[in-house]
Amino acid sequence: MNKYEVIIYWSEEDEAFVAEVPELPGCAAHGPTQEAALVSAQEAIRLWIDTAKEFGDAVPEPKGRRLIFA
């Protein structure tokens, strides 16, 4: 399992759960359940990183969630 933040939400338009990975531009997946969307997102993350490495692009370090105190 990686440490990238994954945001999962229901999309009425797609009639599916969508899982987005904000730290990896364009990296998203979907599924009929939250769990399936997360599994698909993990595969999308792996493919995103593999593709970036193949083309010599930088792979951002996972930041995870940050707390901001005001």
C-alpha atoms as a PDB file:
ATOM      1  CA  MET A   1       0.000   0.000   0.000  1.00  0.00           C
ATOM      2  CA  ASN A   2       1.233   3.461  -0.822  1.00  0.00           C
ATOM      3  CA  LYS A   3       0.867   6.613   1.244  1.00  0.00           C
ATOM      4  CA  TYR A   4      -0.817   8.906  -1.272  1.00  0.00           C
ATOM      5  CA  GLU A   5      -4.057  10.521  -0.165  1.00  0.00           C
ATOM      6  CA  VAL A   6      -7.109   9.105  -1.985  1.00  0.00           C
ATOM      7  CA  ILE A   7     -10.411  10.979  -1.968  1.00  0.00           C
ATOM      8  CA  ILE A   8     -13.485   8.841  -2.657  1.00  0.00           C
ATOM      9  CA  TYR A   9     -16.912  10.257  -3.466  1.00  0.00           C
ATOM     10  CA  TRP A  10     -20.142   9.221  -5.173  1.00  0.00           C
ATOM     11  CA  SER A  11     -20.698  10.582  -8.687  1.00  0.00           C
ATOM     12  CA  GLU A  12     -24.337  10.773  -9.776  1.00  0.00           C
ATOM     13  CA  GLU A  13     -23.165  11.454 -13.334  1.00  0.00           C
ATOM     14  CA  ASP A  14     -21.046   8.293 -13.489  1.00  0.00           C
ATOM     15  CA  GLU A  15     -23.283   6.280 -11.143  1.00  0.00           C
ATOM     16  CA  ALA A  16     -20.141   5.042  -9.412  1.00  0.00           C
ATOM     17  CA  PHE A  17     -17.727   5.864  -6.617  1.00  0.00           C
ATOM     18  CA  VAL A  18     -14.797   7.934  -7.876  1.00  0.00           C
ATOM     19  CA  ALA A  19     -11.362   7.784  -6.240  1.00  0.00           C
ATOM     20  CA  GLU A  20      -9.039  10.718  -6.967  1.00  0.00           C
ATOM     21  CA  VAL A  21      -5.363  11.019  -6.037  1.00  0.00           C
ATOM     22  CA  PRO A  22      -4.744  14.782  -5.766  1.00  0.00           C
ATOM     23  CA  GLU A  23      -0.947  14.526  -5.562  1.00  0.00           C
ATOM     24  CA  LEU A  24      -0.726  12.689  -8.903  1.00  0.00           C
ATOM     25  CA  PRO A  25      -2.285  14.854 -11.644  1.00  0.00           C
ATOM     26  CA  GLY A  26      -4.926  12.995 -13.624  1.00  0.00           C
ATOM     27  CA  CYS A  27      -4.759   9.911 -11.419  1.00  0.00           C
ATOM     28  CA  ALA A  28      -8.278   8.668 -10.696  1.00  0.00           C
ATOM     29  CA  ALA A  29     -10.333   5.486 -10.781  1.00  0.00           C
ATOM     30  CA  HIS A  30     -13.875   4.361 -10.104  1.00  0.00           C
ATOM     31  CA  GLY A  31     -15.894   1.392  -8.926  1.00  0.00           C
ATOM     32  CA  PRO A  32     -19.373   0.263  -7.877  1.00  0.00           C
ATOM     33  CA  THR A  33     -18.384   0.387  -4.185  1.00  0.00           C
ATOM     34  CA  GLN A  34     -15.977   2.491  -2.142  1.00  0.00           C
ATOM     35  CA  GLU A  35     -13.784  -0.556  -1.655  1.00  0.00           C
ATOM     36  CA  ALA A  36     -13.667  -1.340  -5.377  1.00  0.00           C
ATOM     37  CA  ALA A  37     -12.841   2.294  -6.178  1.00  0.00           C
ATOM     38  CA  LEU A  38      -9.956   2.179  -3.685  1.00  0.00           C
ATOM     39  CA  VAL A  39      -8.568  -1.049  -5.166  1.00  0.00           C
ATOM     40  CA  SER A  40      -8.769   0.503  -8.643  1.00  0.00           C
ATOM     41  CA  ALA A  41      -7.078   3.663  -7.348  1.00  0.00           C
ATOM     42  CA  GLN A  42      -4.172   1.633  -5.957  1.00  0.00           C
ATOM     43  CA  GLU A  43      -3.661   0.101  -9.414  1.00  0.00           C
ATOM     44  CA  ALA A  44      -3.967   3.534 -11.049  1.00  0.00           C
ATOM     45  CA  ILE A  45      -1.293   4.884  -8.678  1.00  0.00           C
ATOM     46  CA  ARG A  46       1.056   2.031  -9.573  1.00  0.00           C
ATOM     47  CA  LEU A  47       0.500   2.617 -13.291  1.00  0.00           C
ATOM     48  CA  TRP A  48       0.900   6.403 -12.898  1.00  0.00           C
ATOM     49  CA  ILE A  49       4.256   5.945 -11.144  1.00  0.00           C
ATOM     50  CA  ASP A  50       5.465   3.302 -13.623  1.00  0.00           C
ATOM     51  CA  THR A  51       4.591   5.566 -16.557  1.00  0.00           C
ATOM     52  CA  ALA A  52       6.264   8.610 -14.991  1.00  0.00           C
ATOM     53  CA  LYS A  53       9.446   6.608 -14.411  1.00  0.00           C
ATOM     54  CA  GLU A  54       9.352   5.233 -17.954  1.00  0.00           C
ATOM     55  CA  PHE A  55       9.290   8.760 -19.384  1.00  0.00           C
ATOM     56  CA  GLY A  56      11.771  10.179 -16.863  1.00  0.00           C
ATOM     57  CA  ASP A  57       9.169  12.370 -15.151  1.00  0.00           C
ATOM     58  CA  ALA A  58       9.392  13.233 -11.470  1.00  0.00           C
ATOM     59  CA  VAL A  59       7.319  11.218  -9.021  1.00  0.00           C
ATOM     60  CA  PRO A  60       6.170  13.348  -6.083  1.00  0.00           C
ATOM     61  CA  GLU A  61       6.783  12.075  -2.576  1.00  0.00           C
ATOM     62  CA  PRO A  62       3.520  11.289  -0.786  1.00  0.00           C
ATOM     63  CA  LYS A  63       2.539  14.113   1.536  1.00  0.00           C
ATOM     64  CA  GLY A  64      -0.545  12.496   2.995  1.00  0.00           C
ATOM     65  CA  ARG A  65      -2.813  14.694   5.061  1.00  0.00           C
ATOM     66  CA  ARG A  66      -1.550  17.827   6.682  1.00  0.00           C
ATOM     67  CA  LEU A  67      -2.993  19.692   9.631  1.00  0.00           C
ATOM     68  CA  ILE A  68      -3.045  23.461   9.412  1.00  0.00           C
ATOM     69  CA  PHE A  69      -3.530  25.451  12.588  1.00  0.00           C
ATOM     70  CA  ALA A  70      -4.727  29.033  12.335  1.00  0.00           C
END
